[in-house]
Amino acid sequence: MFMSKYETQTYAILRIIAGFLFLWHGSQKLFDFPQGMEMPLYIVCIAGPIEFIGGILIMIGLFTRWAAFFACGEMAFAYWTVHATNAVLPIVNHGEMAILYCFIFLFISAKGSGVFSIDYYWQKKKM
């Protein structure tokens, strides 16, 4: 109850932080910064741009629904093709982050960018 008056701002912070954290996964794959581990080329070429560009778009709130939708799909794919092949339970296969990202991005895709976003200001400007 006490936080309900800050719901829109709190959601914006969630979107911004999730996008910011996600873009670094892409940066690791594309630019090896911060230094990561070796990955197959198809992961670098497909997941890297989705994570880096998608993370930036989600963070700044530009084409947010589509960026989050693609990011959600990528994380679902990552979970089922990488983590779940070892074991189904996330605590066992270390897939908690993939699942959390997947559902956070699903929520962002459904809700949209919210305040503190380019989408919001463009929408506001049209009115």
Protein backbone atom coordinates (compact mmCIF):
# COMPACT_ATOMS: atom_id res chain seq x y z
CA MET A 1 0.00 0.00 0.00
CA PHE A 2 2.64 2.54 0.94
CA MET A 3 4.47 2.05 -2.40
CA SER A 4 1.36 2.11 -4.60
CA LYS A 5 1.69 5.83 -5.29
CA TYR A 6 5.15 5.11 -6.77
CA GLU A 7 4.00 2.24 -8.99
CA THR A 8 4.72 3.95 -12.32
CA GLN A 9 8.17 5.14 -11.25
CA THR A 10 9.06 1.76 -9.73
CA TYR A 11 8.04 0.00 -12.95
CA ALA A 12 10.21 2.41 -14.96
CA ILE A 13 13.17 1.62 -12.69
CA LEU A 14 12.56 -2.12 -13.20
CA ARG A 15 12.52 -1.65 -16.99
CA ILE A 16 15.63 0.54 -17.00
CA ILE A 17 17.67 -1.76 -14.74
CA ALA A 18 16.58 -4.95 -16.54
CA GLY A 19 17.57 -3.42 -19.89
CA PHE A 20 20.86 -2.14 -18.49
CA LEU A 21 21.82 -5.54 -17.06
CA PHE A 22 20.72 -7.36 -20.22
CA LEU A 23 22.79 -5.21 -22.58
CA TRP A 24 25.97 -6.29 -20.79
CA HIS A 25 25.25 -9.93 -21.65
CA GLY A 26 25.19 -8.86 -25.29
CA SER A 27 28.31 -6.74 -24.84
CA GLN A 28 30.14 -9.80 -23.50
CA LYS A 29 29.14 -11.82 -26.54
CA LEU A 30 29.77 -9.16 -29.17
CA PHE A 31 32.74 -7.25 -27.80
CA ASP A 32 34.13 -9.60 -25.14
CA PHE A 33 33.62 -6.77 -22.63
CA PRO A 34 33.50 -7.37 -19.80
CA GLN A 35 35.52 -10.45 -20.52
CA GLY A 36 33.33 -13.52 -20.79
CA MET A 37 33.69 -17.10 -21.81
CA GLU A 38 34.01 -18.61 -25.28
CA MET A 39 30.68 -19.21 -26.97
CA PRO A 40 29.65 -20.82 -30.24
CA LEU A 41 29.47 -18.40 -33.17
CA TYR A 42 25.72 -18.84 -33.64
CA ILE A 43 25.12 -17.67 -30.05
CA VAL A 44 27.39 -14.66 -30.55
CA CYS A 45 25.69 -13.73 -33.84
CA ILE A 46 22.07 -14.27 -32.75
CA ALA A 47 21.92 -13.76 -28.98
CA GLY A 48 24.55 -11.02 -28.87
CA PRO A 49 22.62 -8.43 -30.94
CA ILE A 50 19.28 -9.31 -29.32
CA GLU A 51 20.78 -8.82 -25.86
CA PHE A 52 22.85 -5.73 -26.66
CA ILE A 53 20.44 -3.81 -28.90
CA GLY A 54 17.37 -5.14 -27.11
CA GLY A 55 18.83 -4.20 -23.74
CA ILE A 56 19.52 -0.66 -24.92
CA LEU A 57 16.02 -0.31 -26.42
CA ILE A 58 14.37 -1.65 -23.27
CA MET A 59 16.51 0.57 -21.05
CA ILE A 60 15.74 3.79 -22.93
CA GLY A 61 12.16 2.76 -23.64
CA LEU A 62 12.22 2.80 -27.44
CA PHE A 63 10.12 0.20 -29.30
CA THR A 64 9.92 -1.34 -25.86
CA ARG A 65 7.16 -3.88 -26.43
CA TRP A 66 8.88 -5.43 -29.45
CA ALA A 67 12.35 -5.36 -27.92
CA ALA A 68 11.07 -7.01 -24.74
CA PHE A 69 9.10 -9.57 -26.77
CA PHE A 70 12.23 -10.66 -28.68
CA ALA A 71 14.30 -10.65 -25.49
CA CYS A 72 11.66 -12.80 -23.76
CA GLY A 73 11.71 -15.29 -26.62
CA GLU A 74 15.48 -15.44 -26.64
CA MET A 75 15.57 -16.16 -22.90
CA ALA A 76 12.92 -18.88 -23.22
CA PHE A 77 14.95 -20.42 -26.05
CA ALA A 78 18.15 -20.16 -24.00
CA TYR A 79 16.54 -21.85 -21.03
CA TRP A 80 15.13 -24.80 -22.97
CA THR A 81 18.13 -25.35 -25.26
CA VAL A 82 21.01 -24.70 -22.84
CA HIS A 83 19.88 -25.02 -19.24
CA ALA A 84 17.03 -27.54 -19.39
CA THR A 85 19.11 -30.03 -21.34
CA ASN A 86 21.08 -30.63 -18.13
CA ALA A 87 18.12 -30.78 -15.75
CA VAL A 88 14.59 -29.33 -15.72
CA LEU A 89 14.72 -27.53 -12.37
CA PRO A 90 16.35 -24.09 -12.56
CA ILE A 91 18.08 -24.49 -9.20
CA VAL A 92 19.87 -27.53 -10.58
CA ASN A 93 20.63 -26.30 -14.13
CA HIS A 94 21.56 -22.69 -13.17
CA GLY A 95 18.82 -21.26 -15.38
CA GLU A 96 17.24 -18.92 -12.81
CA MET A 97 18.50 -15.79 -14.57
CA ALA A 98 17.19 -16.94 -17.95
CA ILE A 99 13.75 -17.59 -16.46
CA LEU A 100 13.69 -14.31 -14.54
CA TYR A 101 14.73 -12.34 -17.62
CA CYS A 102 12.16 -14.23 -19.70
CA PHE A 103 9.25 -13.34 -17.42
CA ILE A 104 10.40 -9.80 -16.68
CA PHE A 105 10.59 -9.16 -20.42
CA LEU A 106 7.22 -10.84 -20.97
CA PHE A 107 5.74 -8.44 -18.40
CA ILE A 108 7.47 -5.43 -19.99
CA SER A 109 6.23 -6.52 -23.42
CA ALA A 110 2.67 -6.66 -22.11
CA LYS A 111 2.81 -3.43 -20.08
CA GLY A 112 4.86 -1.25 -22.44
CA SER A 113 7.51 1.30 -21.65
CA GLY A 114 5.81 3.42 -19.00
CA VAL A 115 7.23 6.74 -17.83
CA PHE A 116 10.85 7.83 -18.28
CA SER A 117 10.94 6.41 -21.80
CA ILE A 118 11.19 7.66 -25.35
CA ASP A 119 7.97 5.80 -26.25
CA TYR A 120 6.14 7.64 -23.46
CA TYR A 121 7.35 11.05 -24.56
CA TRP A 122 6.55 10.35 -28.23
CA GLN A 123 3.05 9.23 -27.24
CA LYS A 124 2.60 12.28 -25.03
CA LYS A 125 3.81 14.58 -27.83
CA LYS A 126 1.21 13.15 -30.27
CA MET A 127 -1.64 14.05 -27.92
